[in-house]
């Protein structure tokens, strides 16, 4: 596991301790490394969520935190 994976794991752990039950993110459609990281971490693509609007250059993702 690289530094990015460790940072993401730490962030998700913090979100759980704050009582959050879901994590959502937006990333660019050309961010291959980020997309690979997020998919490996269990994120799945979803529709745009507020305050974002659908954008062909953005990918929106989410995963549960239980």
PDB file of N, CA and C in Angstrom:
ATOM      1  N   UNK A   1       0.849  -1.193   0.000  1.00  0.00           N
ATOM      2  CA  UNK A   1       0.000   0.000   0.000  1.00  0.00           C
ATOM      3  C   UNK A   1       0.880   1.236   0.000  1.00  0.00           C
ATOM      4  N   UNK A   2       0.573   2.145  -0.904  1.00  0.00           N
ATOM      5  CA  UNK A   2       1.347   3.363  -1.009  1.00  0.00           C
ATOM      6  C   UNK A   2       0.817   4.464  -0.106  1.00  0.00           C
ATOM      7  N   UNK A   3       1.444   5.594  -0.228  1.00  0.00           N
ATOM      8  CA  UNK A   3       1.080   6.740   0.593  1.00  0.00           C
ATOM      9  C   UNK A   3      -0.359   7.182   0.348  1.00  0.00           C
ATOM     10  N   UNK A   4      -0.794   7.202  -0.914  1.00  0.00           N
ATOM     11  CA  UNK A   4      -2.168   7.622  -1.216  1.00  0.00           C
ATOM     12  C   UNK A   4      -3.184   6.695  -0.554  1.00  0.00           C
ATOM     13  N   UNK A   5      -2.931   5.400  -0.573  1.00  0.00           N
ATOM     14  CA  UNK A   5      -3.832   4.437   0.065  1.00  0.00           C
ATOM     15  C   UNK A   5      -3.870   4.663   1.570  1.00  0.00           C
ATOM     16  N   UNK A   6      -2.706   4.887   2.164  1.00  0.00           N
ATOM     17  CA  UNK A   6      -2.662   5.125   3.604  1.00  0.00           C
ATOM     18  C   UNK A   6      -3.418   6.399   3.972  1.00  0.00           C
ATOM     19  N   UNK A   7      -3.262   7.443   3.168  1.00  0.00           N
ATOM     20  CA  UNK A   7      -3.963   8.700   3.445  1.00  0.00           C
ATOM     21  C   UNK A   7      -5.474   8.530   3.309  1.00  0.00           C
ATOM     22  N   UNK A   8      -5.905   7.829   2.274  1.00  0.00           N
ATOM     23  CA  UNK A   8      -7.340   7.605   2.082  1.00  0.00           C
ATOM     24  C   UNK A   8      -7.899   6.767   3.233  1.00  0.00           C
ATOM     25  N   UNK A   9      -7.203   5.720   3.628  1.00  0.00           N
ATOM     26  CA  UNK A   9      -7.649   4.892   4.759  1.00  0.00           C
ATOM     27  C   UNK A   9      -7.787   5.728   6.023  1.00  0.00           C
ATOM     28  N   UNK A  10      -6.824   6.590   6.265  1.00  0.00           N
ATOM     29  CA  UNK A  10      -6.858   7.446   7.458  1.00  0.00           C
ATOM     30  C   UNK A  10      -8.046   8.407   7.414  1.00  0.00           C
ATOM     31  N   UNK A  11      -8.295   8.974   6.248  1.00  0.00           N
ATOM     32  CA  UNK A  11      -9.429   9.884   6.079  1.00  0.00           C
ATOM     33  C   UNK A  11     -10.749   9.165   6.304  1.00  0.00           C
ATOM     34  N   UNK A  12     -10.888   7.956   5.768  1.00  0.00           N
ATOM     35  CA  UNK A  12     -12.125   7.191   5.946  1.00  0.00           C
ATOM     36  C   UNK A  12     -12.299   6.775   7.412  1.00  0.00           C
ATOM     37  N   UNK A  13     -11.214   6.428   8.083  1.00  0.00           N
ATOM     38  CA  UNK A  13     -11.291   6.114   9.513  1.00  0.00           C
ATOM     39  C   UNK A  13     -11.774   7.329  10.301  1.00  0.00           C
ATOM     40  N   UNK A  14     -11.229   8.501   9.983  1.00  0.00           N
ATOM     41  CA  UNK A  14     -11.652   9.742  10.649  1.00  0.00           C
ATOM     42  C   UNK A  14     -13.138   9.989  10.405  1.00  0.00           C
ATOM     43  N   UNK A  15     -13.589   9.807   9.166  1.00  0.00           N
ATOM     44  CA  UNK A  15     -15.005  10.030   8.841  1.00  0.00           C
ATOM     45  C   UNK A  15     -15.896   9.107   9.677  1.00  0.00           C
ATOM     46  N   UNK A  16     -15.477   7.855   9.851  1.00  0.00           N
ATOM     47  CA  UNK A  16     -16.250   6.917  10.687  1.00  0.00           C
ATOM     48  C   UNK A  16     -16.327   7.402  12.126  1.00  0.00           C
ATOM     49  N   UNK A  17     -15.201   7.868  12.664  1.00  0.00           N
ATOM     50  CA  UNK A  17     -15.210   8.326  14.062  1.00  0.00           C
ATOM     51  C   UNK A  17     -16.083   9.562  14.231  1.00  0.00           C
ATOM     52  N   UNK A  18     -16.292  10.305  13.157  1.00  0.00           N
ATOM     53  CA  UNK A  18     -17.175  11.477  13.181  1.00  0.00           C
ATOM     54  C   UNK A  18     -18.638  11.085  13.006  1.00  0.00           C
ATOM     55  N   UNK A  19     -18.908   9.781  12.842  1.00  0.00           N
ATOM     56  CA  UNK A  19     -20.274   9.306  12.725  1.00  0.00           C
ATOM     57  C   UNK A  19     -20.839   9.320  11.317  1.00  0.00           C
ATOM     58  N   UNK A  20     -20.012   9.593  10.329  1.00  0.00           N
ATOM     59  CA  UNK A  20     -20.498   9.580   8.950  1.00  0.00           C
ATOM     60  C   UNK A  20     -20.730   8.144   8.502  1.00  0.00           C
ATOM     61  N   UNK A  21     -21.707   7.953   7.651  1.00  0.00           N
ATOM     62  CA  UNK A  21     -22.029   6.605   7.179  1.00  0.00           C
ATOM     63  C   UNK A  21     -21.747   6.407   5.700  1.00  0.00           C
ATOM     64  N   UNK A  22     -21.411   7.488   5.010  1.00  0.00           N
ATOM     65  CA  UNK A  22     -21.103   7.398   3.577  1.00  0.00           C
ATOM     66  C   UNK A  22     -20.039   8.439   3.225  1.00  0.00           C
ATOM     67  N   UNK A  23     -19.181   8.086   2.287  1.00  0.00           N
ATOM     68  CA  UNK A  23     -18.178   9.018   1.769  1.00  0.00           C
ATOM     69  C   UNK A  23     -18.452   9.210   0.282  1.00  0.00           C
ATOM     70  N   UNK A  24     -18.460  10.452  -0.155  1.00  0.00           N
ATOM     71  CA  UNK A  24     -18.674  10.772  -1.569  1.00  0.00           C
ATOM     72  C   UNK A  24     -17.512  11.632  -2.055  1.00  0.00           C
ATOM     73  N   UNK A  25     -17.238  11.536  -3.355  1.00  0.00           N
ATOM     74  CA  UNK A  25     -16.165  12.341  -3.933  1.00  0.00           C
ATOM     75  C   UNK A  25     -16.453  12.630  -5.391  1.00  0.00           C
ATOM     76  N   UNK A  26     -15.731  13.621  -5.889  1.00  0.00           N
ATOM     77  CA  UNK A  26     -15.742  13.984  -7.309  1.00  0.00           C
ATOM     78  C   UNK A  26     -14.302  14.009  -7.760  1.00  0.00           C
ATOM     79  N   UNK A  27     -14.035  13.435  -8.919  1.00  0.00           N
ATOM     80  CA  UNK A  27     -12.691  13.456  -9.482  1.00  0.00           C
ATOM     81  C   UNK A  27     -12.801  13.603 -10.986  1.00  0.00           C
ATOM     82  N   UNK A  28     -11.701  13.952 -11.605  1.00  0.00           N
ATOM     83  CA  UNK A  28     -11.692  14.115 -13.056  1.00  0.00           C
ATOM     84  C   UNK A  28     -11.738  12.786 -13.783  1.00  0.00           C
ATOM     85  N   UNK A  29     -12.314  12.808 -14.968  1.00  0.00           N
ATOM     86  CA  UNK A  29     -12.451  11.569 -15.737  1.00  0.00           C
ATOM     87  C   UNK A  29     -11.113  11.070 -16.282  1.00  0.00           C
ATOM     88  N   UNK A  30     -10.090  11.904 -16.271  1.00  0.00           N
ATOM     89  CA  UNK A  30      -8.774  11.499 -16.765  1.00  0.00           C
ATOM     90  C   UNK A  30      -7.813  11.134 -15.632  1.00  0.00           C
ATOM     91  N   UNK A  31      -8.288  11.162 -14.413  1.00  0.00           N
ATOM     92  CA  UNK A  31      -7.448  10.884 -13.236  1.00  0.00           C
ATOM     93  C   UNK A  31      -7.330   9.377 -13.016  1.00  0.00           C
ATOM     94  N   UNK A  32      -6.624   8.720 -13.911  1.00  0.00           N
ATOM     95  CA  UNK A  32      -6.551   7.250 -13.890  1.00  0.00           C
ATOM     96  C   UNK A  32      -6.046   6.693 -12.561  1.00  0.00           C
ATOM     97  N   UNK A  33      -4.995   7.283 -12.017  1.00  0.00           N
ATOM     98  CA  UNK A  33      -4.456   6.804 -10.749  1.00  0.00           C
ATOM     99  C   UNK A  33      -5.440   6.963  -9.612  1.00  0.00           C
ATOM    100  N   UNK A  34      -6.111   8.110  -9.557  1.00  0.00           N
ATOM    101  CA  UNK A  34      -7.105   8.354  -8.510  1.00  0.00           C
ATOM    102  C   UNK A  34      -8.280   7.393  -8.657  1.00  0.00           C
ATOM    103  N   UNK A  35      -8.756   7.207  -9.873  1.00  0.00           N
ATOM    104  CA  UNK A  35      -9.885   6.292 -10.093  1.00  0.00           C
ATOM    105  C   UNK A  35      -9.526   4.874  -9.662  1.00  0.00           C
ATOM    106  N   UNK A  36      -8.333   4.428  -9.965  1.00  0.00           N
ATOM    107  CA  UNK A  36      -7.888   3.091  -9.548  1.00  0.00           C
ATOM    108  C   UNK A  36      -7.854   2.992  -8.025  1.00  0.00           C
ATOM    109  N   UNK A  37      -7.306   4.011  -7.365  1.00  0.00           N
ATOM    110  CA  UNK A  37      -7.249   4.045  -5.905  1.00  0.00           C
ATOM    111  C   UNK A  37      -8.649   3.969  -5.309  1.00  0.00           C
ATOM    112  N   UNK A  38      -9.552   4.812  -5.780  1.00  0.00           N
ATOM    113  CA  UNK A  38     -10.905   4.856  -5.217  1.00  0.00           C
ATOM    114  C   UNK A  38     -11.661   3.551  -5.463  1.00  0.00           C
ATOM    115  N   UNK A  39     -11.524   2.987  -6.642  1.00  0.00           N
ATOM    116  CA  UNK A  39     -12.221   1.712  -6.923  1.00  0.00           C
ATOM    117  C   UNK A  39     -11.675   0.596  -6.040  1.00  0.00           C
ATOM    118  N   UNK A  40     -10.360   0.561  -5.865  1.00  0.00           N
ATOM    119  CA  UNK A  40      -9.758  -0.446  -4.971  1.00  0.00           C
ATOM    120  C   UNK A  40     -10.265  -0.284  -3.547  1.00  0.00           C
ATOM    121  N   UNK A  41     -10.570   0.948  -3.149  1.00  0.00           N
ATOM    122  CA  UNK A  41     -11.049   1.235  -1.792  1.00  0.00           C
ATOM    123  C   UNK A  41     -12.557   1.001  -1.651  1.00  0.00           C
ATOM    124  N   UNK A  42     -13.211   0.554  -2.712  1.00  0.00           N
ATOM    125  CA  UNK A  42     -14.630   0.221  -2.614  1.00  0.00           C
ATOM    126  C   UNK A  42     -15.591   1.293  -3.087  1.00  0.00           C
ATOM    127  N   UNK A  43     -15.074   2.375  -3.642  1.00  0.00           N
ATOM    128  CA  UNK A  43     -15.951   3.413  -4.182  1.00  0.00           C
ATOM    129  C   UNK A  43     -16.564   2.945  -5.488  1.00  0.00           C
ATOM    130  N   UNK A  44     -17.830   3.334  -5.689  1.00  0.00           N
ATOM    131  CA  UNK A  44     -18.544   3.023  -6.926  1.00  0.00           C
ATOM    132  C   UNK A  44     -19.074   4.312  -7.531  1.00  0.00           C
ATOM    133  N   UNK A  45     -19.166   4.326  -8.854  1.00  0.00           N
ATOM    134  CA  UNK A  45     -19.666   5.516  -9.535  1.00  0.00           C
ATOM    135  C   UNK A  45     -21.145   5.740  -9.251  1.00  0.00           C
ATOM    136  N   UNK A  46     -21.504   7.011  -9.085  1.00  0.00           N
ATOM    137  CA  UNK A  46     -22.887   7.424  -8.835  1.00  0.00           C
ATOM    138  C   UNK A  46     -23.177   8.662  -9.682  1.00  0.00           C
ATOM    139  N   UNK A  47     -24.437   9.086  -9.660  1.00  0.00           N
ATOM    140  CA  UNK A  47     -24.819  10.332 -10.330  1.00  0.00           C
ATOM    141  C   UNK A  47     -24.249  11.515  -9.542  1.00  0.00           C
ATOM    142  N   UNK A  48     -24.180  12.663 -10.204  1.00  0.00           N
ATOM    143  CA  UNK A  48     -23.717  13.880  -9.528  1.00  0.00           C
ATOM    144  C   UNK A  48     -24.578  14.161  -8.309  1.00  0.00           C
ATOM    145  N   UNK A  49     -23.949  14.679  -7.259  1.00  0.00           N
ATOM    146  CA  UNK A  49     -24.671  14.998  -6.017  1.00  0.00           C
ATOM    147  C   UNK A  49     -24.484  16.490  -5.731  1.00  0.00           C
ATOM    148  N   UNK A  50     -25.443  17.096  -5.024  1.00  0.00           N
ATOM    149  CA  UNK A  50     -25.352  18.541  -4.744  1.00  0.00           C
ATOM    150  C   UNK A  50     -24.078  18.858  -3.963  1.00  0.00           C
ATOM    151  N   UNK A  51     -23.447  19.950  -4.254  1.00  0.00           N
ATOM    152  CA  UNK A  51     -23.867  21.046  -5.122  1.00  0.00           C
ATOM    153  C   UNK A  51     -23.418  20.873  -6.569  1.00  0.00           C
ATOM    154  N   UNK A  52     -22.898  19.710  -6.937  1.00  0.00           N
ATOM    155  CA  UNK A  52     -22.400  19.487  -8.290  1.00  0.00           C
ATOM    156  C   UNK A  52     -23.539  19.275  -9.273  1.00  0.00           C
ATOM    157  N   UNK A  53     -23.253  19.582 -10.534  1.00  0.00           N
ATOM    158  CA  UNK A  53     -24.135  19.282 -11.653  1.00  0.00           C
ATOM    159  C   UNK A  53     -23.445  18.200 -12.488  1.00  0.00           C
ATOM    160  N   UNK A  54     -24.209  17.406 -13.232  1.00  0.00           N
ATOM    161  CA  UNK A  54     -23.564  16.431 -14.118  1.00  0.00           C
ATOM    162  C   UNK A  54     -22.542  17.136 -15.019  1.00  0.00           C
ATOM    163  N   UNK A  55     -21.414  16.488 -15.197  1.00  0.00           N
ATOM    164  CA  UNK A  55     -20.330  17.073 -15.974  1.00  0.00           C
ATOM    165  C   UNK A  55     -19.592  15.932 -16.664  1.00  0.00           C
ATOM    166  N   UNK A  56     -19.466  15.979 -17.981  1.00  0.00           N
ATOM    167  CA  UNK A  56     -18.794  14.876 -18.688  1.00  0.00           C
ATOM    168  C   UNK A  56     -17.320  14.720 -18.316  1.00  0.00           C
ATOM    169  N   UNK A  57     -16.737  15.730 -17.682  1.00  0.00           N
ATOM    170  CA  UNK A  57     -15.331  15.652 -17.290  1.00  0.00           C
ATOM    171  C   UNK A  57     -15.141  15.217 -15.839  1.00  0.00           C
ATOM    172  N   UNK A  58     -16.246  14.957 -15.138  1.00  0.00           N
ATOM    173  CA  UNK A  58     -16.193  14.562 -13.724  1.00  0.00           C
ATOM    174  C   UNK A  58     -16.789  13.185 -13.524  1.00  0.00           C
ATOM    175  N   UNK A  59     -16.237  12.491 -12.557  1.00  0.00           N
ATOM    176  CA  UNK A  59     -16.789  11.205 -12.120  1.00  0.00           C
ATOM    177  C   UNK A  59     -17.105  11.360 -10.636  1.00  0.00           C
ATOM    178  N   UNK A  60     -18.299  10.957 -10.257  1.00  0.00           N
ATOM    179  CA  UNK A  60     -18.775  11.049  -8.880  1.00  0.00           C
ATOM    180  C   UNK A  60     -18.819   9.631  -8.318  1.00  0.00           C
ATOM    181  N   UNK A  61     -18.377   9.486  -7.069  1.00  0.00           N
ATOM    182  CA  UNK A  61     -18.269   8.157  -6.464  1.00  0.00           C
ATOM    183  C   UNK A  61     -18.704   8.205  -5.014  1.00  0.00           C
ATOM    184  N   UNK A  62     -19.054   7.004  -4.495  1.00  0.00           N
ATOM    185  CA  UNK A  62     -19.428   6.904  -3.097  1.00  0.00           C
ATOM    186  C   UNK A  62     -19.157   5.506  -2.593  1.00  0.00           C
ATOM    187  N   UNK A  63     -19.039   5.405  -1.273  1.00  0.00           N
ATOM    188  CA  UNK A  63     -18.931   4.102  -0.603  1.00  0.00           C
ATOM    189  C   UNK A  63     -19.446   4.262   0.819  1.00  0.00           C
ATOM    190  N   UNK A  64     -19.985   3.175   1.328  1.00  0.00           N
ATOM    191  CA  UNK A  64     -20.441   3.161   2.709  1.00  0.00           C
ATOM    192  C   UNK A  64     -19.255   3.106   3.668  1.00  0.00           C
ATOM    193  N   UNK A  65     -19.518   3.521   4.900  1.00  0.00           N
ATOM    194  CA  UNK A  65     -18.438   3.567   5.909  1.00  0.00           C
ATOM    195  C   UNK A  65     -18.695   2.641   7.082  1.00  0.00           C
ATOM    196  N   UNK A  66     -19.527   1.694   6.943  1.00  0.00           N
ATOM    197  CA  UNK A  66     -19.781   0.769   8.044  1.00  0.00           C
ATOM    198  C   UNK A  66     -18.717  -0.268   8.162  1.00  0.00           C
TER     199      UNK A  66
END
